[in-house]
Every structure is written in C-alpha cells, then in structure tokens.
Amino acid sequence: MAILTVLLQASADAAAAASGLAKAGGAIGAGIAAIAAGIGVGNIGKSALESIARQPEAANDIRANMILAAALVEGVALFGVIAGLLAVVL
C-alpha cells in the first residue's frame, strides 16, 4: 500500500511540473506571435511605402494590397496569441 501511495504522489508531482512548463511555453508562444506580427506588418508597410515612392500612380492598388496582407498577418497572429493564452489558462 505504501508503494502505491509513493507512486501516486510521484505521478501527481510530475503532472504539476508538466503543467507549469506548458503554461510557460504558452506564454512565450503568445509573446512571440505578437512580436512576429508586429515585425511582419512593419515589413509590409515598409515595402508598400517604397513601392508607392517608386510608382506614385499605383498608390491605390498598393495600399489596398497592403491592407489585405496586413489583415491576413494579424489574423494568423491572433490565432497564435489565443492558442498561447489557452495553453496558459487550461
């Protein structure tokens, strides 16, 4: 009976340690997703401004494509942040 108690206690300790590691990983993943989205949108904006500077007559088309690309990047980043926060909470 004592062996079973020791094994159950060791199993509970291992599960608690794994839970803490999962929460840390989720928090780090959410932070990386947010930072990566900021970098991605910044690169999109930089490229769009360079393109408009080279071809001012195409500014409307470039601006529309920039907004669409930025929205897609933000959507993917939102999924990453939500997945990370769910790992922290659950």
C-alpha atoms as a PDB file:
ATOM      1  CA  MET A   1       0.000   0.000   0.000  1.00  0.00           C
ATOM      2  CA  ALA A   2       2.847   2.376   0.772  1.00  0.00           C
ATOM      3  CA  ILE A   3       4.377   1.761  -2.659  1.00  0.00           C
ATOM      4  CA  LEU A   4       1.110   2.704  -4.355  1.00  0.00           C
ATOM      5  CA  THR A   5       0.935   5.915  -2.325  1.00  0.00           C
ATOM      6  CA  VAL A   6       4.509   6.831  -3.295  1.00  0.00           C
ATOM      7  CA  LEU A   7       3.818   6.125  -6.982  1.00  0.00           C
ATOM      8  CA  LEU A   8       0.639   8.203  -6.964  1.00  0.00           C
ATOM      9  CA  GLN A   9       2.440  11.091  -5.262  1.00  0.00           C
ATOM     10  CA  ALA A  10       5.281  10.946  -7.819  1.00  0.00           C
ATOM     11  CA  SER A  11       2.760  10.934 -10.653  1.00  0.00           C
ATOM     12  CA  ALA A  12       0.982  13.988  -9.230  1.00  0.00           C
ATOM     13  CA  ASP A  13       4.304  15.837  -8.845  1.00  0.00           C
ATOM     14  CA  ALA A  14       5.270  15.076 -12.450  1.00  0.00           C
ATOM     15  CA  ALA A  15       1.887  16.291 -13.705  1.00  0.00           C
ATOM     16  CA  ALA A  16       2.257  19.551 -11.762  1.00  0.00           C
ATOM     17  CA  ALA A  17       5.720  20.137 -13.215  1.00  0.00           C
ATOM     18  CA  ALA A  18       4.489  19.451 -16.748  1.00  0.00           C
ATOM     19  CA  SER A  19       1.575  21.827 -16.237  1.00  0.00           C
ATOM     20  CA  GLY A  20       3.919  24.636 -15.203  1.00  0.00           C
ATOM     21  CA  LEU A  21       6.111  24.011 -18.235  1.00  0.00           C
ATOM     22  CA  ALA A  22       3.088  24.074 -20.553  1.00  0.00           C
ATOM     23  CA  LYS A  23       1.963  27.391 -19.096  1.00  0.00           C
ATOM     24  CA  ALA A  24       5.408  28.900 -19.585  1.00  0.00           C
ATOM     25  CA  GLY A  25       5.513  27.627 -23.161  1.00  0.00           C
ATOM     26  CA  GLY A  26       2.083  29.062 -23.872  1.00  0.00           C
ATOM     27  CA  ALA A  27       3.066  32.466 -22.521  1.00  0.00           C
ATOM     28  CA  ILE A  28       6.294  32.512 -24.531  1.00  0.00           C
ATOM     29  CA  GLY A  29       4.438  31.400 -27.670  1.00  0.00           C
ATOM     30  CA  ALA A  30       1.830  34.131 -27.299  1.00  0.00           C
ATOM     31  CA  GLY A  31       4.541  36.743 -26.891  1.00  0.00           C
ATOM     32  CA  ILE A  32       6.477  35.515 -29.918  1.00  0.00           C
ATOM     33  CA  ALA A  33       3.311  35.525 -32.033  1.00  0.00           C
ATOM     34  CA  ALA A  34       2.577  39.138 -31.086  1.00  0.00           C
ATOM     35  CA  ILE A  35       6.159  40.273 -31.764  1.00  0.00           C
ATOM     36  CA  ALA A  36       6.305  38.422 -35.082  1.00  0.00           C
ATOM     37  CA  ALA A  37       3.039  40.027 -36.191  1.00  0.00           C
ATOM     38  CA  GLY A  38       4.437  43.472 -35.419  1.00  0.00           C
ATOM     39  CA  ILE A  39       7.570  42.743 -37.428  1.00  0.00           C
ATOM     40  CA  GLY A  40       5.527  41.352 -40.319  1.00  0.00           C
ATOM     41  CA  VAL A  41       3.173  44.313 -40.506  1.00  0.00           C
ATOM     42  CA  GLY A  42       6.149  46.666 -40.271  1.00  0.00           C
ATOM     43  CA  ASN A  43       7.810  44.951 -43.226  1.00  0.00           C
ATOM     44  CA  ILE A  44       4.580  45.121 -45.224  1.00  0.00           C
ATOM     45  CA  GLY A  45       4.259  48.841 -44.523  1.00  0.00           C
ATOM     46  CA  LYS A  46       7.899  49.485 -45.373  1.00  0.00           C
ATOM     47  CA  SER A  47       7.617  47.676 -48.685  1.00  0.00           C
ATOM     48  CA  ALA A  48       4.374  49.431 -49.545  1.00  0.00           C
ATOM     49  CA  LEU A  49       5.857  52.860 -48.864  1.00  0.00           C
ATOM     50  CA  GLU A  50       8.891  52.054 -51.006  1.00  0.00           C
ATOM     51  CA  SER A  51       6.617  50.868 -53.806  1.00  0.00           C
ATOM     52  CA  ILE A  52       4.455  53.978 -53.642  1.00  0.00           C
ATOM     53  CA  ALA A  53       7.583  56.145 -53.711  1.00  0.00           C
ATOM     54  CA  ARG A  54       8.734  54.406 -56.895  1.00  0.00           C
ATOM     55  CA  GLN A  55       5.339  54.365 -58.603  1.00  0.00           C
ATOM     56  CA  PRO A  56       3.024  57.057 -57.199  1.00  0.00           C
ATOM     57  CA  GLU A  57       0.374  56.362 -59.851  1.00  0.00           C
ATOM     58  CA  ALA A  58      -0.162  52.854 -58.423  1.00  0.00           C
ATOM     59  CA  ALA A  59      -0.678  54.094 -54.848  1.00  0.00           C
ATOM     60  CA  ASN A  60      -4.319  52.983 -54.578  1.00  0.00           C
ATOM     61  CA  ASP A  61      -3.619  49.423 -55.726  1.00  0.00           C
ATOM     62  CA  ILE A  62      -0.575  49.121 -53.491  1.00  0.00           C
ATOM     63  CA  ARG A  63      -2.456  50.491 -50.487  1.00  0.00           C
ATOM     64  CA  ALA A  64      -5.322  48.030 -50.974  1.00  0.00           C
ATOM     65  CA  ASN A  65      -2.938  45.089 -51.223  1.00  0.00           C
ATOM     66  CA  MET A  66      -1.015  46.308 -48.169  1.00  0.00           C
ATOM     67  CA  ILE A  67      -4.173  46.454 -46.060  1.00  0.00           C
ATOM     68  CA  LEU A  68      -5.215  42.973 -47.165  1.00  0.00           C
ATOM     69  CA  ALA A  69      -1.790  41.480 -46.408  1.00  0.00           C
ATOM     70  CA  ALA A  70      -1.637  43.188 -43.011  1.00  0.00           C
ATOM     71  CA  ALA A  71      -5.094  41.877 -42.122  1.00  0.00           C
ATOM     72  CA  LEU A  72      -4.049  38.328 -43.003  1.00  0.00           C
ATOM     73  CA  VAL A  73      -0.896  38.594 -40.902  1.00  0.00           C
ATOM     74  CA  GLU A  74      -2.869  39.954 -37.951  1.00  0.00           C
ATOM     75  CA  GLY A  75      -5.413  37.140 -38.285  1.00  0.00           C
ATOM     76  CA  VAL A  76      -2.720  34.474 -38.082  1.00  0.00           C
ATOM     77  CA  ALA A  77      -1.111  36.275 -35.144  1.00  0.00           C
ATOM     78  CA  LEU A  78      -4.441  36.368 -33.337  1.00  0.00           C
ATOM     79  CA  PHE A  79      -4.727  32.585 -33.638  1.00  0.00           C
ATOM     80  CA  GLY A  80      -1.208  32.227 -32.229  1.00  0.00           C
ATOM     81  CA  VAL A  81      -1.886  34.507 -29.278  1.00  0.00           C
ATOM     82  CA  ILE A  82      -5.182  32.773 -28.477  1.00  0.00           C
ATOM     83  CA  ALA A  83      -3.564  29.335 -28.646  1.00  0.00           C
ATOM     84  CA  GLY A  84      -0.812  30.505 -26.316  1.00  0.00           C
ATOM     85  CA  LEU A  85      -3.226  32.032 -23.847  1.00  0.00           C
ATOM     86  CA  LEU A  86      -5.371  28.896 -23.890  1.00  0.00           C
ATOM     87  CA  ALA A  87      -2.267  26.876 -23.015  1.00  0.00           C
ATOM     88  CA  VAL A  88      -1.696  29.190 -20.060  1.00  0.00           C
ATOM     89  CA  VAL A  89      -5.282  29.077 -18.810  1.00  0.00           C
ATOM     90  CA  LEU A  90      -6.170  25.452 -19.441  1.00  0.00           C
END
